């Protein structure tokens, strides 16, 4: 497979695993607090993270009169893009590093850019 396909598969698998770690965390916190936790959606709760994501995207956002609606919608996407760019820099067996001398500098540069989505 090409490196683009490998990168896309890596990013997709990380996003799906984060969704299931979130549901695991919610279940554990429910058991710690002596309650059942989130209700199950579909078989064995496999669709629960996806229904949570749909619910999150369908929530109404409240915007003030002085805010910029485009920037308030683009800021989370910018933060996600920067995080995914940092994941692409981590070398693995299928994705060797392209420039080993400047990876640390690039990671520091991208992490310094991650302040801007928070400011908007």
PDB file of N, CA and C in Angstrom:
ATOM      1  N   UNK A   1       0.836  -1.188   0.000  1.00  0.00           N
ATOM      2  CA  UNK A   1       0.000   0.000   0.000  1.00  0.00           C
ATOM      3  C   UNK A   1       0.875   1.244   0.000  1.00  0.00           C
ATOM      4  N   UNK A   2       0.307   2.303  -0.446  1.00  0.00           N
ATOM      5  CA  UNK A   2       1.073   3.543  -0.514  1.00  0.00           C
ATOM      6  C   UNK A   2       1.141   4.194   0.865  1.00  0.00           C
ATOM      7  N   UNK A   3       2.033   5.144   0.996  1.00  0.00           N
ATOM      8  CA  UNK A   3       2.189   5.814   2.286  1.00  0.00           C
ATOM      9  C   UNK A   3       0.969   6.657   2.630  1.00  0.00           C
ATOM     10  N   UNK A   4       0.286   7.193   1.626  1.00  0.00           N
ATOM     11  CA  UNK A   4      -0.928   7.970   1.895  1.00  0.00           C
ATOM     12  C   UNK A   4      -2.013   7.079   2.474  1.00  0.00           C
ATOM     13  N   UNK A   5      -2.172   5.898   1.919  1.00  0.00           N
ATOM     14  CA  UNK A   5      -3.166   4.958   2.428  1.00  0.00           C
ATOM     15  C   UNK A   5      -2.806   4.523   3.838  1.00  0.00           C
ATOM     16  N   UNK A   6      -1.527   4.250   4.080  1.00  0.00           N
ATOM     17  CA  UNK A   6      -1.091   3.872   5.422  1.00  0.00           C
ATOM     18  C   UNK A   6      -1.351   4.987   6.420  1.00  0.00           C
ATOM     19  N   UNK A   7      -1.086   6.207   6.035  1.00  0.00           N
ATOM     20  CA  UNK A   7      -1.312   7.337   6.927  1.00  0.00           C
ATOM     21  C   UNK A   7      -2.792   7.504   7.229  1.00  0.00           C
ATOM     22  N   UNK A   8      -3.626   7.397   6.205  1.00  0.00           N
ATOM     23  CA  UNK A   8      -5.069   7.527   6.418  1.00  0.00           C
ATOM     24  C   UNK A   8      -5.611   6.406   7.296  1.00  0.00           C
ATOM     25  N   UNK A   9      -5.129   5.186   7.095  1.00  0.00           N
ATOM     26  CA  UNK A   9      -5.551   4.075   7.943  1.00  0.00           C
ATOM     27  C   UNK A   9      -5.090   4.269   9.382  1.00  0.00           C
ATOM     28  N   UNK A  10      -3.898   4.784   9.571  1.00  0.00           N
ATOM     29  CA  UNK A  10      -3.391   5.055  10.907  1.00  0.00           C
ATOM     30  C   UNK A  10      -4.247   6.096  11.610  1.00  0.00           C
ATOM     31  N   UNK A  11      -4.556   7.175  10.928  1.00  0.00           N
ATOM     32  CA  UNK A  11      -5.360   8.241  11.524  1.00  0.00           C
ATOM     33  C   UNK A  11      -6.761   7.740  11.838  1.00  0.00           C
ATOM     34  N   UNK A  12      -7.367   6.993  10.928  1.00  0.00           N
ATOM     35  CA  UNK A  12      -8.710   6.474  11.151  1.00  0.00           C
ATOM     36  C   UNK A  12      -8.745   5.502  12.322  1.00  0.00           C
ATOM     37  N   UNK A  13      -7.759   4.630  12.408  1.00  0.00           N
ATOM     38  CA  UNK A  13      -7.738   3.671  13.512  1.00  0.00           C
ATOM     39  C   UNK A  13      -7.496   4.363  14.845  1.00  0.00           C
ATOM     40  N   UNK A  14      -6.703   5.413  14.864  1.00  0.00           N
ATOM     41  CA  UNK A  14      -6.484   6.155  16.106  1.00  0.00           C
ATOM     42  C   UNK A  14      -7.762   6.857  16.539  1.00  0.00           C
ATOM     43  N   UNK A  15      -8.478   7.457  15.599  1.00  0.00           N
ATOM     44  CA  UNK A  15      -9.724   8.138  15.945  1.00  0.00           C
ATOM     45  C   UNK A  15     -10.776   7.159  16.462  1.00  0.00           C
ATOM     46  N   UNK A  16     -10.879   5.989  15.852  1.00  0.00           N
ATOM     47  CA  UNK A  16     -11.842   4.989  16.317  1.00  0.00           C
ATOM     48  C   UNK A  16     -11.434   4.447  17.679  1.00  0.00           C
ATOM     49  N   UNK A  17     -10.140   4.225  17.892  1.00  0.00           N
ATOM     50  CA  UNK A  17      -9.706   3.717  19.194  1.00  0.00           C
ATOM     51  C   UNK A  17      -9.932   4.743  20.295  1.00  0.00           C
ATOM     52  N   UNK A  18      -9.772   6.019  19.999  1.00  0.00           N
ATOM     53  CA  UNK A  18     -10.064   7.058  20.995  1.00  0.00           C
ATOM     54  C   UNK A  18     -11.543   7.032  21.355  1.00  0.00           C
ATOM     55  N   UNK A  19     -12.394   6.798  20.373  1.00  0.00           N
ATOM     56  CA  UNK A  19     -13.831   6.721  20.649  1.00  0.00           C
ATOM     57  C   UNK A  19     -14.140   5.561  21.591  1.00  0.00           C
ATOM     58  N   UNK A  20     -13.503   4.420  21.384  1.00  0.00           N
ATOM     59  CA  UNK A  20     -13.780   3.286  22.254  1.00  0.00           C
ATOM     60  C   UNK A  20     -13.101   3.423  23.614  1.00  0.00           C
ATOM     61  N   UNK A  21     -11.970   4.107  23.699  1.00  0.00           N
ATOM     62  CA  UNK A  21     -11.391   4.390  25.009  1.00  0.00           C
ATOM     63  C   UNK A  21     -12.292   5.327  25.803  1.00  0.00           C
ATOM     64  N   UNK A  22     -12.963   6.234  25.117  1.00  0.00           N
ATOM     65  CA  UNK A  22     -13.895   7.131  25.791  1.00  0.00           C
ATOM     66  C   UNK A  22     -15.062   6.351  26.373  1.00  0.00           C
ATOM     67  N   UNK A  23     -15.607   5.406  25.623  1.00  0.00           N
ATOM     68  CA  UNK A  23     -16.723   4.614  26.138  1.00  0.00           C
ATOM     69  C   UNK A  23     -16.263   3.727  27.288  1.00  0.00           C
ATOM     70  N   UNK A  24     -15.032   3.222  27.225  1.00  0.00           N
ATOM     71  CA  UNK A  24     -14.491   2.437  28.333  1.00  0.00           C
ATOM     72  C   UNK A  24     -14.352   3.296  29.580  1.00  0.00           C
ATOM     73  N   UNK A  25     -13.875   4.515  29.405  1.00  0.00           N
ATOM     74  CA  UNK A  25     -13.739   5.425  30.540  1.00  0.00           C
ATOM     75  C   UNK A  25     -15.099   5.735  31.153  1.00  0.00           C
ATOM     76  N   UNK A  26     -16.106   5.965  30.326  1.00  0.00           N
ATOM     77  CA  UNK A  26     -17.442   6.256  30.838  1.00  0.00           C
ATOM     78  C   UNK A  26     -18.011   5.069  31.597  1.00  0.00           C
ATOM     79  N   UNK A  27     -17.773   3.869  31.104  1.00  0.00           N
ATOM     80  CA  UNK A  27     -18.241   2.666  31.792  1.00  0.00           C
ATOM     81  C   UNK A  27     -17.546   2.497  33.141  1.00  0.00           C
ATOM     82  N   UNK A  28     -16.222   2.687  33.161  1.00  0.00           N
ATOM     83  CA  UNK A  28     -15.482   2.541  34.413  1.00  0.00           C
ATOM     84  C   UNK A  28     -15.911   3.582  35.438  1.00  0.00           C
ATOM     85  N   UNK A  29     -16.094   4.815  35.005  1.00  0.00           N
ATOM     86  CA  UNK A  29     -16.555   5.845  35.936  1.00  0.00           C
ATOM     87  C   UNK A  29     -17.954   5.537  36.447  1.00  0.00           C
ATOM     88  N   UNK A  30     -18.783   4.941  35.616  1.00  0.00           N
ATOM     89  CA  UNK A  30     -20.116   4.539  36.054  1.00  0.00           C
ATOM     90  C   UNK A  30     -20.046   3.455  37.115  1.00  0.00           C
ATOM     91  N   UNK A  31     -19.178   2.472  36.929  1.00  0.00           N
ATOM     92  CA  UNK A  31     -19.044   1.411  37.926  1.00  0.00           C
ATOM     93  C   UNK A  31     -18.415   1.925  39.216  1.00  0.00           C
ATOM     94  N   UNK A  32     -17.494   2.863  39.121  1.00  0.00           N
ATOM     95  CA  UNK A  32     -16.885   3.435  40.325  1.00  0.00           C
ATOM     96  C   UNK A  32     -17.926   4.185  41.140  1.00  0.00           C
ATOM     97  N   UNK A  33     -18.839   4.872  40.463  1.00  0.00           N
ATOM     98  CA  UNK A  33     -19.876   5.645  41.140  1.00  0.00           C
ATOM     99  C   UNK A  33     -21.122   4.807  41.428  1.00  0.00           C
ATOM    100  N   UNK A  34     -21.008   3.503  41.295  1.00  0.00           N
ATOM    101  CA  UNK A  34     -22.073   2.536  41.553  1.00  0.00           C
ATOM    102  C   UNK A  34     -23.325   2.880  40.745  1.00  0.00           C
ATOM    103  N   UNK A  35     -23.153   3.028  39.482  1.00  0.00           N
ATOM    104  CA  UNK A  35     -24.260   3.169  38.534  1.00  0.00           C
ATOM    105  C   UNK A  35     -23.876   2.407  37.281  1.00  0.00           C
ATOM    106  N   UNK A  36     -24.829   2.234  36.409  1.00  0.00           N
ATOM    107  CA  UNK A  36     -24.602   1.353  35.264  1.00  0.00           C
ATOM    108  C   UNK A  36     -23.685   1.938  34.202  1.00  0.00           C
ATOM    109  N   UNK A  37     -23.712   3.221  33.997  1.00  0.00           N
ATOM    110  CA  UNK A  37     -22.921   3.829  32.933  1.00  0.00           C
ATOM    111  C   UNK A  37     -23.812   4.167  31.758  1.00  0.00           C
ATOM    112  N   UNK A  38     -23.248   4.434  30.598  1.00  0.00           N
ATOM    113  CA  UNK A  38     -24.074   4.815  29.442  1.00  0.00           C
ATOM    114  C   UNK A  38     -24.916   3.640  28.945  1.00  0.00           C
ATOM    115  N   UNK A  39     -26.090   3.970  28.419  1.00  0.00           N
ATOM    116  CA  UNK A  39     -26.952   2.938  27.841  1.00  0.00           C
ATOM    117  C   UNK A  39     -26.322   2.382  26.576  1.00  0.00           C
ATOM    118  N   UNK A  40     -26.688   1.167  26.268  1.00  0.00           N
ATOM    119  CA  UNK A  40     -26.107   0.518  25.090  1.00  0.00           C
ATOM    120  C   UNK A  40     -26.884   0.904  23.839  1.00  0.00           C
ATOM    121  N   UNK A  41     -26.165   1.170  22.790  1.00  0.00           N
ATOM    122  CA  UNK A  41     -26.754   1.412  21.483  1.00  0.00           C
ATOM    123  C   UNK A  41     -26.332   0.266  20.581  1.00  0.00           C
ATOM    124  N   UNK A  42     -27.250  -0.438  20.016  1.00  0.00           N
ATOM    125  CA  UNK A  42     -27.058  -1.599  19.151  1.00  0.00           C
ATOM    126  C   UNK A  42     -26.470  -2.769  19.941  1.00  0.00           C
ATOM    127  N   UNK A  43     -25.830  -3.674  19.252  1.00  0.00           N
ATOM    128  CA  UNK A  43     -25.333  -4.906  19.866  1.00  0.00           C
ATOM    129  C   UNK A  43     -24.090  -4.608  20.698  1.00  0.00           C
ATOM    130  N   UNK A  44     -24.108  -4.947  21.953  1.00  0.00           N
ATOM    131  CA  UNK A  44     -22.998  -4.836  22.899  1.00  0.00           C
ATOM    132  C   UNK A  44     -22.451  -3.407  22.977  1.00  0.00           C
ATOM    133  N   UNK A  45     -23.211  -2.430  22.570  1.00  0.00           N
ATOM    134  CA  UNK A  45     -22.785  -1.039  22.671  1.00  0.00           C
ATOM    135  C   UNK A  45     -21.737  -0.620  21.669  1.00  0.00           C
ATOM    136  N   UNK A  46     -21.610  -1.338  20.559  1.00  0.00           N
ATOM    137  CA  UNK A  46     -20.570  -1.007  19.581  1.00  0.00           C
ATOM    138  C   UNK A  46     -20.815   0.323  18.878  1.00  0.00           C
ATOM    139  N   UNK A  47     -22.067   0.731  18.766  1.00  0.00           N
ATOM    140  CA  UNK A  47     -22.366   1.974  18.059  1.00  0.00           C
ATOM    141  C   UNK A  47     -22.437   3.177  18.998  1.00  0.00           C
ATOM    142  N   UNK A  48     -22.223   2.983  20.299  1.00  0.00           N
ATOM    143  CA  UNK A  48     -22.319   4.081  21.264  1.00  0.00           C
ATOM    144  C   UNK A  48     -21.357   5.234  20.963  1.00  0.00           C
ATOM    145  N   UNK A  49     -20.076   4.996  20.669  1.00  0.00           N
ATOM    146  CA  UNK A  49     -19.197   6.131  20.352  1.00  0.00           C
ATOM    147  C   UNK A  49     -19.644   6.904  19.117  1.00  0.00           C
ATOM    148  N   UNK A  50     -20.186   6.196  18.135  1.00  0.00           N
ATOM    149  CA  UNK A  50     -20.628   6.876  16.921  1.00  0.00           C
ATOM    150  C   UNK A  50     -21.896   7.680  17.170  1.00  0.00           C
ATOM    151  N   UNK A  51     -22.796   7.150  18.011  1.00  0.00           N
ATOM    152  CA  UNK A  51     -23.990   7.934  18.341  1.00  0.00           C
ATOM    153  C   UNK A  51     -23.617   9.145  19.186  1.00  0.00           C
ATOM    154  N   UNK A  52     -22.602   9.011  20.039  1.00  0.00           N
ATOM    155  CA  UNK A  52     -22.113  10.170  20.796  1.00  0.00           C
ATOM    156  C   UNK A  52     -21.536  11.229  19.864  1.00  0.00           C
ATOM    157  N   UNK A  53     -20.814  10.798  18.832  1.00  0.00           N
ATOM    158  CA  UNK A  53     -20.230  11.749  17.884  1.00  0.00           C
ATOM    159  C   UNK A  53     -21.319  12.464  17.093  1.00  0.00           C
ATOM    160  N   UNK A  54     -22.346  11.730  16.682  1.00  0.00           N
ATOM    161  CA  UNK A  54     -23.454  12.358  15.952  1.00  0.00           C
ATOM    162  C   UNK A  54     -24.172  13.356  16.849  1.00  0.00           C
ATOM    163  N   UNK A  55     -24.375  12.985  18.108  1.00  0.00           N
ATOM    164  CA  UNK A  55     -25.026  13.890  19.058  1.00  0.00           C
ATOM    165  C   UNK A  55     -24.183  15.141  19.279  1.00  0.00           C
ATOM    166  N   UNK A  56     -22.873  14.979  19.342  1.00  0.00           N
ATOM    167  CA  UNK A  56     -21.990  16.121  19.545  1.00  0.00           C
ATOM    168  C   UNK A  56     -22.050  17.087  18.368  1.00  0.00           C
ATOM    169  N   UNK A  57     -22.067  16.557  17.153  1.00  0.00           N
ATOM    170  CA  UNK A  57     -22.100  17.427  15.980  1.00  0.00           C
ATOM    171  C   UNK A  57     -23.463  18.070  15.763  1.00  0.00           C
ATOM    172  N   UNK A  58     -24.520  17.455  16.280  1.00  0.00           N
ATOM    173  CA  UNK A  58     -25.858  18.017  16.104  1.00  0.00           C
ATOM    174  C   UNK A  58     -26.236  19.020  17.184  1.00  0.00           C
ATOM    175  N   UNK A  59     -25.415  19.179  18.195  1.00  0.00           N
ATOM    176  CA  UNK A  59     -25.731  20.140  19.245  1.00  0.00           C
ATOM    177  C   UNK A  59     -25.709  21.551  18.680  1.00  0.00           C
ATOM    178  N   UNK A  60     -26.603  22.356  19.186  1.00  0.00           N
ATOM    179  CA  UNK A  60     -26.658  23.751  18.741  1.00  0.00           C
ATOM    180  C   UNK A  60     -25.547  24.528  19.432  1.00  0.00           C
ATOM    181  N   UNK A  61     -24.832  25.295  18.665  1.00  0.00           N
ATOM    182  CA  UNK A  61     -23.777  26.116  19.234  1.00  0.00           C
ATOM    183  C   UNK A  61     -24.323  27.511  19.474  1.00  0.00           C
ATOM    184  N   UNK A  62     -24.003  28.057  20.615  1.00  0.00           N
ATOM    185  CA  UNK A  62     -24.450  29.416  20.906  1.00  0.00           C
ATOM    186  C   UNK A  62     -23.315  30.380  20.581  1.00  0.00           C
ATOM    187  N   UNK A  63     -23.602  31.325  19.735  1.00  0.00           N
ATOM    188  CA  UNK A  63     -22.611  32.301  19.311  1.00  0.00           C
ATOM    189  C   UNK A  63     -23.019  33.674  19.826  1.00  0.00           C
ATOM    190  N   UNK A  64     -22.058  34.418  20.312  1.00  0.00           N
ATOM    191  CA  UNK A  64     -22.352  35.779  20.728  1.00  0.00           C
ATOM    192  C   UNK A  64     -22.413  36.680  19.503  1.00  0.00           C
ATOM    193  N   UNK A  65     -22.900  37.879  19.704  1.00  0.00           N
ATOM    194  CA  UNK A  65     -23.047  38.781  18.558  1.00  0.00           C
ATOM    195  C   UNK A  65     -21.698  39.274  18.037  1.00  0.00           C
ATOM    196  N   UNK A  66     -20.671  39.224  18.871  1.00  0.00           N
ATOM    197  CA  UNK A  66     -19.359  39.713  18.443  1.00  0.00           C
ATOM    198  C   UNK A  66     -18.444  38.605  17.928  1.00  0.00           C
ATOM    199  N   UNK A  67     -18.893  37.360  17.972  1.00  0.00           N
ATOM    200  CA  UNK A  67     -18.014  36.267  17.550  1.00  0.00           C
ATOM    201  C   UNK A  67     -18.073  36.073  16.039  1.00  0.00           C
ATOM    202  N   UNK A  68     -17.036  35.463  15.540  1.00  0.00           N
ATOM    203  CA  UNK A  68     -16.943  35.143  14.121  1.00  0.00           C
ATOM    204  C   UNK A  68     -17.408  33.696  13.948  1.00  0.00           C
ATOM    205  N   UNK A  69     -18.562  33.462  13.316  1.00  0.00           N
ATOM    206  CA  UNK A  69     -19.081  32.088  13.238  1.00  0.00           C
ATOM    207  C   UNK A  69     -18.183  31.141  12.448  1.00  0.00           C
ATOM    208  N   UNK A  70     -17.515  31.639  11.415  1.00  0.00           N
ATOM    209  CA  UNK A  70     -16.637  30.763  10.632  1.00  0.00           C
ATOM    210  C   UNK A  70     -15.457  30.285  11.468  1.00  0.00           C
ATOM    211  N   UNK A  71     -14.863  31.193  12.227  1.00  0.00           N
ATOM    212  CA  UNK A  71     -13.705  30.807  13.035  1.00  0.00           C
ATOM    213  C   UNK A  71     -14.107  29.900  14.193  1.00  0.00           C
ATOM    214  N   UNK A  72     -15.290  30.109  14.754  1.00  0.00           N
ATOM    215  CA  UNK A  72     -15.706  29.246  15.856  1.00  0.00           C
ATOM    216  C   UNK A  72     -16.015  27.836  15.365  1.00  0.00           C
ATOM    217  N   UNK A  73     -16.367  27.690  14.104  1.00  0.00           N
ATOM    218  CA  UNK A  73     -16.569  26.356  13.550  1.00  0.00           C
ATOM    219  C   UNK A  73     -15.261  25.734  13.065  1.00  0.00           C
ATOM    220  N   UNK A  74     -14.328  26.561  12.607  1.00  0.00           N
ATOM    221  CA  UNK A  74     -13.065  26.043  12.073  1.00  0.00           C
ATOM    222  C   UNK A  74     -12.014  25.761  13.149  1.00  0.00           C
ATOM    223  N   UNK A  75     -12.137  26.366  14.320  1.00  0.00           N
ATOM    224  CA  UNK A  75     -11.118  26.188  15.361  1.00  0.00           C
ATOM    225  C   UNK A  75     -10.955  24.736  15.802  1.00  0.00           C
ATOM    226  N   UNK A  76     -12.035  23.981  16.086  1.00  0.00           N
ATOM    227  CA  UNK A  76     -11.820  22.572  16.436  1.00  0.00           C
ATOM    228  C   UNK A  76     -11.204  21.764  15.302  1.00  0.00           C
ATOM    229  N   UNK A  77     -11.572  22.097  14.075  1.00  0.00           N
ATOM    230  CA  UNK A  77     -10.986  21.383  12.935  1.00  0.00           C
ATOM    231  C   UNK A  77      -9.501  21.693  12.788  1.00  0.00           C
ATOM    232  N   UNK A  78      -9.122  22.940  13.061  1.00  0.00           N
ATOM    233  CA  UNK A  78      -7.701  23.301  13.012  1.00  0.00           C
ATOM    234  C   UNK A  78      -6.916  22.556  14.090  1.00  0.00           C
ATOM    235  N   UNK A  79      -7.491  22.446  15.294  1.00  0.00           N
ATOM    236  CA  UNK A  79      -6.808  21.733  16.373  1.00  0.00           C
ATOM    237  C   UNK A  79      -6.656  20.250  16.038  1.00  0.00           C
ATOM    238  N   UNK A  80      -7.694  19.655  15.460  1.00  0.00           N
ATOM    239  CA  UNK A  80      -7.615  18.249  15.062  1.00  0.00           C
ATOM    240  C   UNK A  80      -6.587  18.050  13.956  1.00  0.00           C
ATOM    241  N   UNK A  81      -6.546  18.959  13.008  1.00  0.00           N
ATOM    242  CA  UNK A  81      -5.573  18.872  11.920  1.00  0.00           C
ATOM    243  C   UNK A  81      -4.140  18.956  12.454  1.00  0.00           C
ATOM    244  N   UNK A  82      -3.898  19.854  13.399  1.00  0.00           N
ATOM    245  CA  UNK A  82      -2.552  19.965  13.970  1.00  0.00           C
ATOM    246  C   UNK A  82      -2.167  18.701  14.732  1.00  0.00           C
ATOM    247  N   UNK A  83      -3.119  18.115  15.460  1.00  0.00           N
ATOM    248  CA  UNK A  83      -2.826  16.874  16.185  1.00  0.00           C
ATOM    249  C   UNK A  83      -2.532  15.734  15.219  1.00  0.00           C
ATOM    250  N   UNK A  84      -3.277  15.665  14.130  1.00  0.00           N
ATOM    251  CA  UNK A  84      -3.035  14.614  13.139  1.00  0.00           C
ATOM    252  C   UNK A  84      -1.707  14.830  12.410  1.00  0.00           C
ATOM    253  N   UNK A  85      -1.306  16.077  12.230  1.00  0.00           N
ATOM    254  CA  UNK A  85       0.003  16.350  11.627  1.00  0.00           C
ATOM    255  C   UNK A  85       1.126  15.878  12.544  1.00  0.00           C
ATOM    256  N   UNK A  86       0.929  16.018  13.857  1.00  0.00           N
ATOM    257  CA  UNK A  86       1.951  15.545  14.793  1.00  0.00           C
ATOM    258  C   UNK A  86       2.037  14.022  14.765  1.00  0.00           C
ATOM    259  N   UNK A  87       0.887  13.345  14.601  1.00  0.00           N
ATOM    260  CA  UNK A  87       0.911  11.885  14.529  1.00  0.00           C
ATOM    261  C   UNK A  87       1.653  11.391  13.297  1.00  0.00           C
ATOM    262  N   UNK A  88       1.604  12.154  12.240  1.00  0.00           N
ATOM    263  CA  UNK A  88       2.279  11.756  11.005  1.00  0.00           C
ATOM    264  C   UNK A  88       3.798  11.805  11.149  1.00  0.00           C
ATOM    265  N   UNK A  89       4.296  12.553  12.106  1.00  0.00           N
ATOM    266  CA  UNK A  89       5.744  12.679  12.286  1.00  0.00           C
ATOM    267  C   UNK A  89       6.355  11.526  13.076  1.00  0.00           C
ATOM    268  N   UNK A  90       5.522  10.751  13.753  1.00  0.00           N
ATOM    269  CA  UNK A  90       6.036   9.641  14.550  1.00  0.00           C
ATOM    270  C   UNK A  90       6.452   8.514  13.606  1.00  0.00           C
ATOM    271  N   UNK A  91       7.714   8.105  13.631  1.00  0.00           N
ATOM    272  CA  UNK A  91       8.158   7.055  12.700  1.00  0.00           C
ATOM    273  C   UNK A  91       7.638   5.681  13.122  1.00  0.00           C
ATOM    274  N   UNK A  92       7.389   4.835  12.144  1.00  0.00           N
ATOM    275  CA  UNK A  92       6.994   3.451  12.391  1.00  0.00           C
ATOM    276  C   UNK A  92       7.644   2.578  11.322  1.00  0.00           C
ATOM    277  N   UNK A  93       7.331   1.291  11.339  1.00  0.00           N
ATOM    278  CA  UNK A  93       7.942   0.397  10.355  1.00  0.00           C
ATOM    279  C   UNK A  93       7.416   0.666   8.954  1.00  0.00           C
ATOM    280  N   UNK A  94       6.139   0.994   8.857  1.00  0.00           N
ATOM    281  CA  UNK A  94       5.567   1.226   7.531  1.00  0.00           C
ATOM    282  C   UNK A  94       5.791   2.653   7.054  1.00  0.00           C
ATOM    283  N   UNK A  95       5.963   3.581   7.984  1.00  0.00           N
ATOM    284  CA  UNK A  95       6.188   4.980   7.624  1.00  0.00           C
ATOM    285  C   UNK A  95       7.513   5.456   8.203  1.00  0.00           C
ATOM    286  N   UNK A  96       8.621   5.221   7.511  1.00  0.00           N
ATOM    287  CA  UNK A  96       9.908   5.680   8.043  1.00  0.00           C
ATOM    288  C   UNK A  96       9.970   7.204   8.026  1.00  0.00           C
ATOM    289  N   UNK A  97      10.757   7.780   8.916  1.00  0.00           N
ATOM    290  CA  UNK A  97      10.848   9.248   8.939  1.00  0.00           C
ATOM    291  C   UNK A  97      11.505   9.771   7.672  1.00  0.00           C
ATOM    292  N   UNK A  98      10.974  10.858   7.162  1.00  0.00           N
ATOM    293  CA  UNK A  98      11.522  11.410   5.924  1.00  0.00           C
ATOM    294  C   UNK A  98      12.750  12.277   6.197  1.00  0.00           C
ATOM    295  N   UNK A  99      12.744  12.980   7.318  1.00  0.00           N
ATOM    296  CA  UNK A  99      13.861  13.867   7.639  1.00  0.00           C
ATOM    297  C   UNK A  99      14.132  13.752   9.134  1.00  0.00           C
ATOM    298  N   UNK A 100      15.087  12.919   9.499  1.00  0.00           N
ATOM    299  CA  UNK A 100      15.318  12.639  10.911  1.00  0.00           C
ATOM    300  C   UNK A 100      15.953  13.801  11.658  1.00  0.00           C
ATOM    301  N   UNK A 101      16.598  14.705  10.959  1.00  0.00           N
ATOM    302  CA  UNK A 101      17.293  15.794  11.641  1.00  0.00           C
ATOM    303  C   UNK A 101      16.343  16.884  12.116  1.00  0.00           C
ATOM    304  N   UNK A 102      15.217  17.033  11.456  1.00  0.00           N
ATOM    305  CA  UNK A 102      14.340  18.150  11.771  1.00  0.00           C
ATOM    306  C   UNK A 102      12.996  17.736  12.354  1.00  0.00           C
ATOM    307  N   UNK A 103      12.843  16.485  12.769  1.00  0.00           N
ATOM    308  CA  UNK A 103      11.551  16.039  13.296  1.00  0.00           C
ATOM    309  C   UNK A 103      11.237  16.742  14.610  1.00  0.00           C
ATOM    310  N   UNK A 104      12.202  16.839  15.509  1.00  0.00           N
ATOM    311  CA  UNK A 104      11.957  17.492  16.794  1.00  0.00           C
ATOM    312  C   UNK A 104      11.611  18.962  16.605  1.00  0.00           C
ATOM    313  N   UNK A 105      12.296  19.614  15.707  1.00  0.00           N
ATOM    314  CA  UNK A 105      12.000  21.018  15.421  1.00  0.00           C
ATOM    315  C   UNK A 105      10.594  21.172  14.835  1.00  0.00           C
ATOM    316  N   UNK A 106      10.196  20.254  13.970  1.00  0.00           N
ATOM    317  CA  UNK A 106       8.858  20.302  13.382  1.00  0.00           C
ATOM    318  C   UNK A 106       7.789  20.041  14.435  1.00  0.00           C
ATOM    319  N   UNK A 107       8.041  19.108  15.342  1.00  0.00           N
ATOM    320  CA  UNK A 107       7.086  18.836  16.426  1.00  0.00           C
ATOM    321  C   UNK A 107       6.926  20.069  17.308  1.00  0.00           C
ATOM    322  N   UNK A 108       8.025  20.719  17.645  1.00  0.00           N
ATOM    323  CA  UNK A 108       7.942  21.941  18.452  1.00  0.00           C
ATOM    324  C   UNK A 108       7.209  23.048  17.708  1.00  0.00           C
ATOM    325  N   UNK A 109       7.429  23.154  16.409  1.00  0.00           N
ATOM    326  CA  UNK A 109       6.755  24.176  15.606  1.00  0.00           C
ATOM    327  C   UNK A 109       5.245  23.935  15.560  1.00  0.00           C
ATOM    328  N   UNK A 110       4.839  22.691  15.324  1.00  0.00           N
ATOM    329  CA  UNK A 110       3.408  22.384  15.245  1.00  0.00           C
ATOM    330  C   UNK A 110       2.747  22.539  16.609  1.00  0.00           C
ATOM    331  N   UNK A 111       3.443  22.136  17.672  1.00  0.00           N
ATOM    332  CA  UNK A 111       2.849  22.298  19.003  1.00  0.00           C
ATOM    333  C   UNK A 111       2.732  23.764  19.393  1.00  0.00           C
ATOM    334  N   UNK A 112       3.615  24.611  18.891  1.00  0.00           N
ATOM    335  CA  UNK A 112       3.462  26.042  19.166  1.00  0.00           C
ATOM    336  C   UNK A 112       2.304  26.631  18.368  1.00  0.00           C
ATOM    337  N   UNK A 113       1.992  26.050  17.221  1.00  0.00           N
ATOM    338  CA  UNK A 113       0.841  26.508  16.438  1.00  0.00           C
ATOM    339  C   UNK A 113      -0.491  26.100  17.061  1.00  0.00           C
ATOM    340  N   UNK A 114      -0.481  25.121  17.954  1.00  0.00           N
ATOM    341  CA  UNK A 114      -1.734  24.633  18.525  1.00  0.00           C
ATOM    342  C   UNK A 114      -2.388  25.638  19.466  1.00  0.00           C
ATOM    343  N   UNK A 115      -1.727  26.744  19.742  1.00  0.00           N
ATOM    344  CA  UNK A 115      -2.315  27.791  20.575  1.00  0.00           C
ATOM    345  C   UNK A 115      -3.365  28.573  19.793  1.00  0.00           C
ATOM    346  N   UNK A 116      -3.185  28.712  18.512  1.00  0.00           N
ATOM    347  CA  UNK A 116      -4.063  29.566  17.713  1.00  0.00           C
ATOM    348  C   UNK A 116      -5.509  29.087  17.636  1.00  0.00           C
ATOM    349  N   UNK A 117      -5.804  27.788  17.512  1.00  0.00           N
ATOM    350  CA  UNK A 117      -7.222  27.405  17.550  1.00  0.00           C
ATOM    351  C   UNK A 117      -7.892  27.723  18.888  1.00  0.00           C
ATOM    352  N   UNK A 118      -7.139  27.727  19.971  1.00  0.00           N
ATOM    353  CA  UNK A 118      -7.707  28.057  21.277  1.00  0.00           C
ATOM    354  C   UNK A 118      -8.020  29.545  21.359  1.00  0.00           C
ATOM    355  N   UNK A 119      -7.192  30.365  20.736  1.00  0.00           N
ATOM    356  CA  UNK A 119      -7.403  31.815  20.793  1.00  0.00           C
ATOM    357  C   UNK A 119      -8.649  32.240  20.035  1.00  0.00           C
ATOM    358  N   UNK A 120      -8.996  31.522  18.979  1.00  0.00           N
ATOM    359  CA  UNK A 120     -10.168  31.905  18.196  1.00  0.00           C
ATOM    360  C   UNK A 120     -11.344  31.224  18.775  1.00  0.00           C
TER     361      UNK A 120
END
